[in-house]
Amino acid sequence: MAIFGLMAGGGLIGATFYDGEDRRAALFFAGVFALFALGTGIYFFRRMFWIRRLTTVGTVVDGRVLVVDQNTEDVWYMIVGYQVDGASYRAWQGTGDRSRFNPGDTVRVLVDLQRPDSAWVAES
């Protein structure tokens, strides 16, 4: 987020040194970087408030690791199954590298009871 903001600011400052087409191009790229900064900022704060909500009003339930695998970009993830009020749900969580968990292991999952499909693996 900060890098896009810096690039947008640099584009605005750079635009003061140009005339005509070059100035329009610098302003265009400054606008593009500003939109990227805005988008990543919105994503970051939504994610931060979602995790904060889960840690303050979430309920801990037991879950079972169903899958530990890596995607096509070699980033490891796990899929955890859990139950709330008799209904089954799954949560996907990236682990970055090989998880210390294996399929079948029991983990703690933070669940928002108002939206039980919204969960975060508390142990990863």
C-alpha atoms as a PDB file:
ATOM      1  CA  MET A   1       0.000   0.000   0.000  1.00  0.00           C
ATOM      2  CA  ALA A   2       2.722   2.453   0.977  1.00  0.00           C
ATOM      3  CA  ILE A   3       4.777   1.736  -2.121  1.00  0.00           C
ATOM      4  CA  PHE A   4       1.840   2.615  -4.386  1.00  0.00           C
ATOM      5  CA  GLY A   5       1.270   5.801  -2.410  1.00  0.00           C
ATOM      6  CA  LEU A   6       4.926   6.753  -2.795  1.00  0.00           C
ATOM      7  CA  MET A   7       4.809   6.017  -6.514  1.00  0.00           C
ATOM      8  CA  ALA A   8       1.675   8.141  -6.893  1.00  0.00           C
ATOM      9  CA  GLY A   9       3.341  11.001  -5.025  1.00  0.00           C
ATOM     10  CA  GLY A  10       6.449  10.630  -7.160  1.00  0.00           C
ATOM     11  CA  GLY A  11       4.314  10.751 -10.297  1.00  0.00           C
ATOM     12  CA  LEU A  12       2.653  13.967  -9.141  1.00  0.00           C
ATOM     13  CA  ILE A  13       5.979  15.548  -8.311  1.00  0.00           C
ATOM     14  CA  GLY A  14       7.449  14.327 -11.592  1.00  0.00           C
ATOM     15  CA  ALA A  15       4.518  15.804 -13.519  1.00  0.00           C
ATOM     16  CA  THR A  16       5.585  19.289 -12.437  1.00  0.00           C
ATOM     17  CA  PHE A  17       8.785  18.876 -14.454  1.00  0.00           C
ATOM     18  CA  TYR A  18       7.079  17.850 -17.706  1.00  0.00           C
ATOM     19  CA  ASP A  19       4.972  19.583 -20.343  1.00  0.00           C
ATOM     20  CA  GLY A  20       2.312  18.303 -22.753  1.00  0.00           C
ATOM     21  CA  GLU A  21       2.071  14.561 -23.379  1.00  0.00           C
ATOM     22  CA  ASP A  22       4.764  13.692 -20.837  1.00  0.00           C
ATOM     23  CA  ARG A  23       2.882  15.535 -18.117  1.00  0.00           C
ATOM     24  CA  ARG A  24      -0.370  13.737 -18.971  1.00  0.00           C
ATOM     25  CA  ALA A  25       1.430  10.393 -18.879  1.00  0.00           C
ATOM     26  CA  ALA A  26       2.958  11.172 -15.477  1.00  0.00           C
ATOM     27  CA  LEU A  27      -0.437  12.240 -14.123  1.00  0.00           C
ATOM     28  CA  PHE A  28      -2.054   9.125 -15.588  1.00  0.00           C
ATOM     29  CA  PHE A  29       0.425   6.832 -13.858  1.00  0.00           C
ATOM     30  CA  ALA A  30       0.143   8.822 -10.632  1.00  0.00           C
ATOM     31  CA  GLY A  31      -3.624   8.242 -10.768  1.00  0.00           C
ATOM     32  CA  VAL A  32      -3.185   4.525 -11.452  1.00  0.00           C
ATOM     33  CA  PHE A  33      -0.814   4.156  -8.502  1.00  0.00           C
ATOM     34  CA  ALA A  34      -3.179   6.171  -6.305  1.00  0.00           C
ATOM     35  CA  LEU A  35      -6.008   3.751  -7.192  1.00  0.00           C
ATOM     36  CA  PHE A  36      -3.777   0.789  -6.371  1.00  0.00           C
ATOM     37  CA  ALA A  37      -2.891   2.397  -3.024  1.00  0.00           C
ATOM     38  CA  LEU A  38      -6.586   2.966  -2.291  1.00  0.00           C
ATOM     39  CA  GLY A  39      -7.507  -0.601  -3.247  1.00  0.00           C
ATOM     40  CA  THR A  40      -4.768  -2.229  -1.186  1.00  0.00           C
ATOM     41  CA  GLY A  41      -5.605   0.062   1.731  1.00  0.00           C
ATOM     42  CA  ILE A  42      -9.257  -0.950   1.641  1.00  0.00           C
ATOM     43  CA  TYR A  43      -8.308  -4.639   1.448  1.00  0.00           C
ATOM     44  CA  PHE A  44      -5.811  -4.309   4.319  1.00  0.00           C
ATOM     45  CA  PHE A  45      -8.223  -2.507   6.664  1.00  0.00           C
ATOM     46  CA  ARG A  46     -11.159  -4.817   5.884  1.00  0.00           C
ATOM     47  CA  ARG A  47      -8.970  -7.822   6.602  1.00  0.00           C
ATOM     48  CA  MET A  48      -7.594  -6.236   9.785  1.00  0.00           C
ATOM     49  CA  PHE A  49     -11.087  -5.440  11.110  1.00  0.00           C
ATOM     50  CA  TRP A  50     -12.325  -8.932  10.173  1.00  0.00           C
ATOM     51  CA  ILE A  51      -9.510 -10.569  12.168  1.00  0.00           C
ATOM     52  CA  ARG A  52     -10.083  -8.121  15.039  1.00  0.00           C
ATOM     53  CA  ARG A  53     -13.783  -8.994  15.074  1.00  0.00           C
ATOM     54  CA  LEU A  54     -13.004 -12.703  15.180  1.00  0.00           C
ATOM     55  CA  THR A  55     -10.571 -12.244  18.068  1.00  0.00           C
ATOM     56  CA  THR A  56     -13.064 -10.187  20.087  1.00  0.00           C
ATOM     57  CA  VAL A  57     -16.432 -11.881  19.424  1.00  0.00           C
ATOM     58  CA  GLY A  58     -15.352 -15.155  17.849  1.00  0.00           C
ATOM     59  CA  THR A  59     -15.881 -18.507  19.486  1.00  0.00           C
ATOM     60  CA  VAL A  60     -13.213 -21.196  19.512  1.00  0.00           C
ATOM     61  CA  VAL A  61     -14.308 -24.536  18.065  1.00  0.00           C
ATOM     62  CA  ASP A  62     -12.343 -27.653  17.240  1.00  0.00           C
ATOM     63  CA  GLY A  63     -11.580 -28.245  13.611  1.00  0.00           C
ATOM     64  CA  ARG A  64      -9.893 -31.025  11.689  1.00  0.00           C
ATOM     65  CA  VAL A  65      -7.220 -30.473   9.049  1.00  0.00           C
ATOM     66  CA  LEU A  66      -8.585 -31.926   5.821  1.00  0.00           C
ATOM     67  CA  VAL A  67      -5.897 -30.945   3.322  1.00  0.00           C
ATOM     68  CA  VAL A  68      -2.335 -29.628   3.469  1.00  0.00           C
ATOM     69  CA  ASP A  69      -1.013 -28.825   0.015  1.00  0.00           C
ATOM     70  CA  GLN A  70       0.670 -26.194  -2.102  1.00  0.00           C
ATOM     71  CA  ASN A  71      -0.678 -24.240  -5.044  1.00  0.00           C
ATOM     72  CA  THR A  72       0.939 -23.719  -8.450  1.00  0.00           C
ATOM     73  CA  GLU A  73       3.065 -20.888  -7.020  1.00  0.00           C
ATOM     74  CA  ASP A  74       4.507 -23.195  -4.310  1.00  0.00           C
ATOM     75  CA  VAL A  75       2.601 -21.443  -1.502  1.00  0.00           C
ATOM     76  CA  TRP A  76       1.398 -23.861   1.155  1.00  0.00           C
ATOM     77  CA  TYR A  77      -2.165 -23.816   2.458  1.00  0.00           C
ATOM     78  CA  MET A  78      -4.481 -25.939   4.528  1.00  0.00           C
ATOM     79  CA  ILE A  79      -8.196 -26.580   4.490  1.00  0.00           C
ATOM     80  CA  VAL A  80      -9.844 -27.137   7.862  1.00  0.00           C
ATOM     81  CA  GLY A  81     -13.309 -28.548   8.446  1.00  0.00           C
ATOM     82  CA  TYR A  82     -15.371 -27.554  11.493  1.00  0.00           C
ATOM     83  CA  GLN A  83     -18.943 -27.704  12.725  1.00  0.00           C
ATOM     84  CA  VAL A  84     -21.221 -25.044  14.201  1.00  0.00           C
ATOM     85  CA  ASP A  85     -24.718 -25.957  15.406  1.00  0.00           C
ATOM     86  CA  GLY A  86     -24.584 -29.256  13.513  1.00  0.00           C
ATOM     87  CA  ALA A  87     -23.692 -27.679  10.146  1.00  0.00           C
ATOM     88  CA  SER A  88     -20.333 -28.394   8.513  1.00  0.00           C
ATOM     89  CA  TYR A  89     -18.043 -25.655   7.187  1.00  0.00           C
ATOM     90  CA  ARG A  90     -14.582 -25.365   5.692  1.00  0.00           C
ATOM     91  CA  ALA A  91     -11.944 -22.687   6.112  1.00  0.00           C
ATOM     92  CA  TRP A  92      -8.967 -22.155   3.814  1.00  0.00           C
ATOM     93  CA  GLN A  93      -5.830 -20.620   5.235  1.00  0.00           C
ATOM     94  CA  GLY A  94      -2.455 -19.976   3.662  1.00  0.00           C
ATOM     95  CA  THR A  95       0.490 -21.156   5.718  1.00  0.00           C
ATOM     96  CA  GLY A  96       3.303 -19.703   3.597  1.00  0.00           C
ATOM     97  CA  ASP A  97       5.478 -22.769   3.932  1.00  0.00           C
ATOM     98  CA  ARG A  98       4.908 -26.384   4.875  1.00  0.00           C
ATOM     99  CA  SER A  99       2.443 -26.419   7.753  1.00  0.00           C
ATOM    100  CA  ARG A 100       3.354 -28.229  10.943  1.00  0.00           C
ATOM    101  CA  PHE A 101      -0.068 -29.836  10.706  1.00  0.00           C
ATOM    102  CA  ASN A 102      -1.027 -32.938   8.794  1.00  0.00           C
ATOM    103  CA  PRO A 103      -4.410 -34.107   7.507  1.00  0.00           C
ATOM    104  CA  GLY A 104      -6.425 -35.462  10.423  1.00  0.00           C
ATOM    105  CA  ASP A 105      -4.867 -33.186  13.055  1.00  0.00           C
ATOM    106  CA  THR A 106      -7.172 -31.235  15.360  1.00  0.00           C
ATOM    107  CA  VAL A 107      -6.816 -27.428  15.398  1.00  0.00           C
ATOM    108  CA  ARG A 108      -8.555 -24.529  17.114  1.00  0.00           C
ATOM    109  CA  VAL A 109     -10.701 -22.385  14.822  1.00  0.00           C
ATOM    110  CA  LEU A 110     -12.089 -18.918  15.641  1.00  0.00           C
ATOM    111  CA  VAL A 111     -15.628 -18.682  14.286  1.00  0.00           C
ATOM    112  CA  ASP A 112     -18.028 -15.758  14.050  1.00  0.00           C
ATOM    113  CA  LEU A 113     -21.301 -17.350  15.195  1.00  0.00           C
ATOM    114  CA  GLN A 114     -23.333 -14.736  13.312  1.00  0.00           C
ATOM    115  CA  ARG A 115     -21.544 -15.804  10.113  1.00  0.00           C
ATOM    116  CA  PRO A 116     -20.265 -19.335  10.786  1.00  0.00           C
ATOM    117  CA  ASP A 117     -18.682 -19.597   7.337  1.00  0.00           C
ATOM    118  CA  SER A 118     -16.320 -16.806   8.473  1.00  0.00           C
ATOM    119  CA  ALA A 119     -13.464 -18.432  10.377  1.00  0.00           C
ATOM    120  CA  TRP A 120      -9.748 -18.187  11.086  1.00  0.00           C
ATOM    121  CA  VAL A 121      -7.473 -21.032  12.123  1.00  0.00           C
ATOM    122  CA  ALA A 122      -6.121 -19.913  15.506  1.00  0.00           C
ATOM    123  CA  GLU A 123      -3.217 -22.360  15.382  1.00  0.00           C
ATOM    124  CA  SER A 124      -1.113 -22.294  12.251  1.00  0.00           C
END
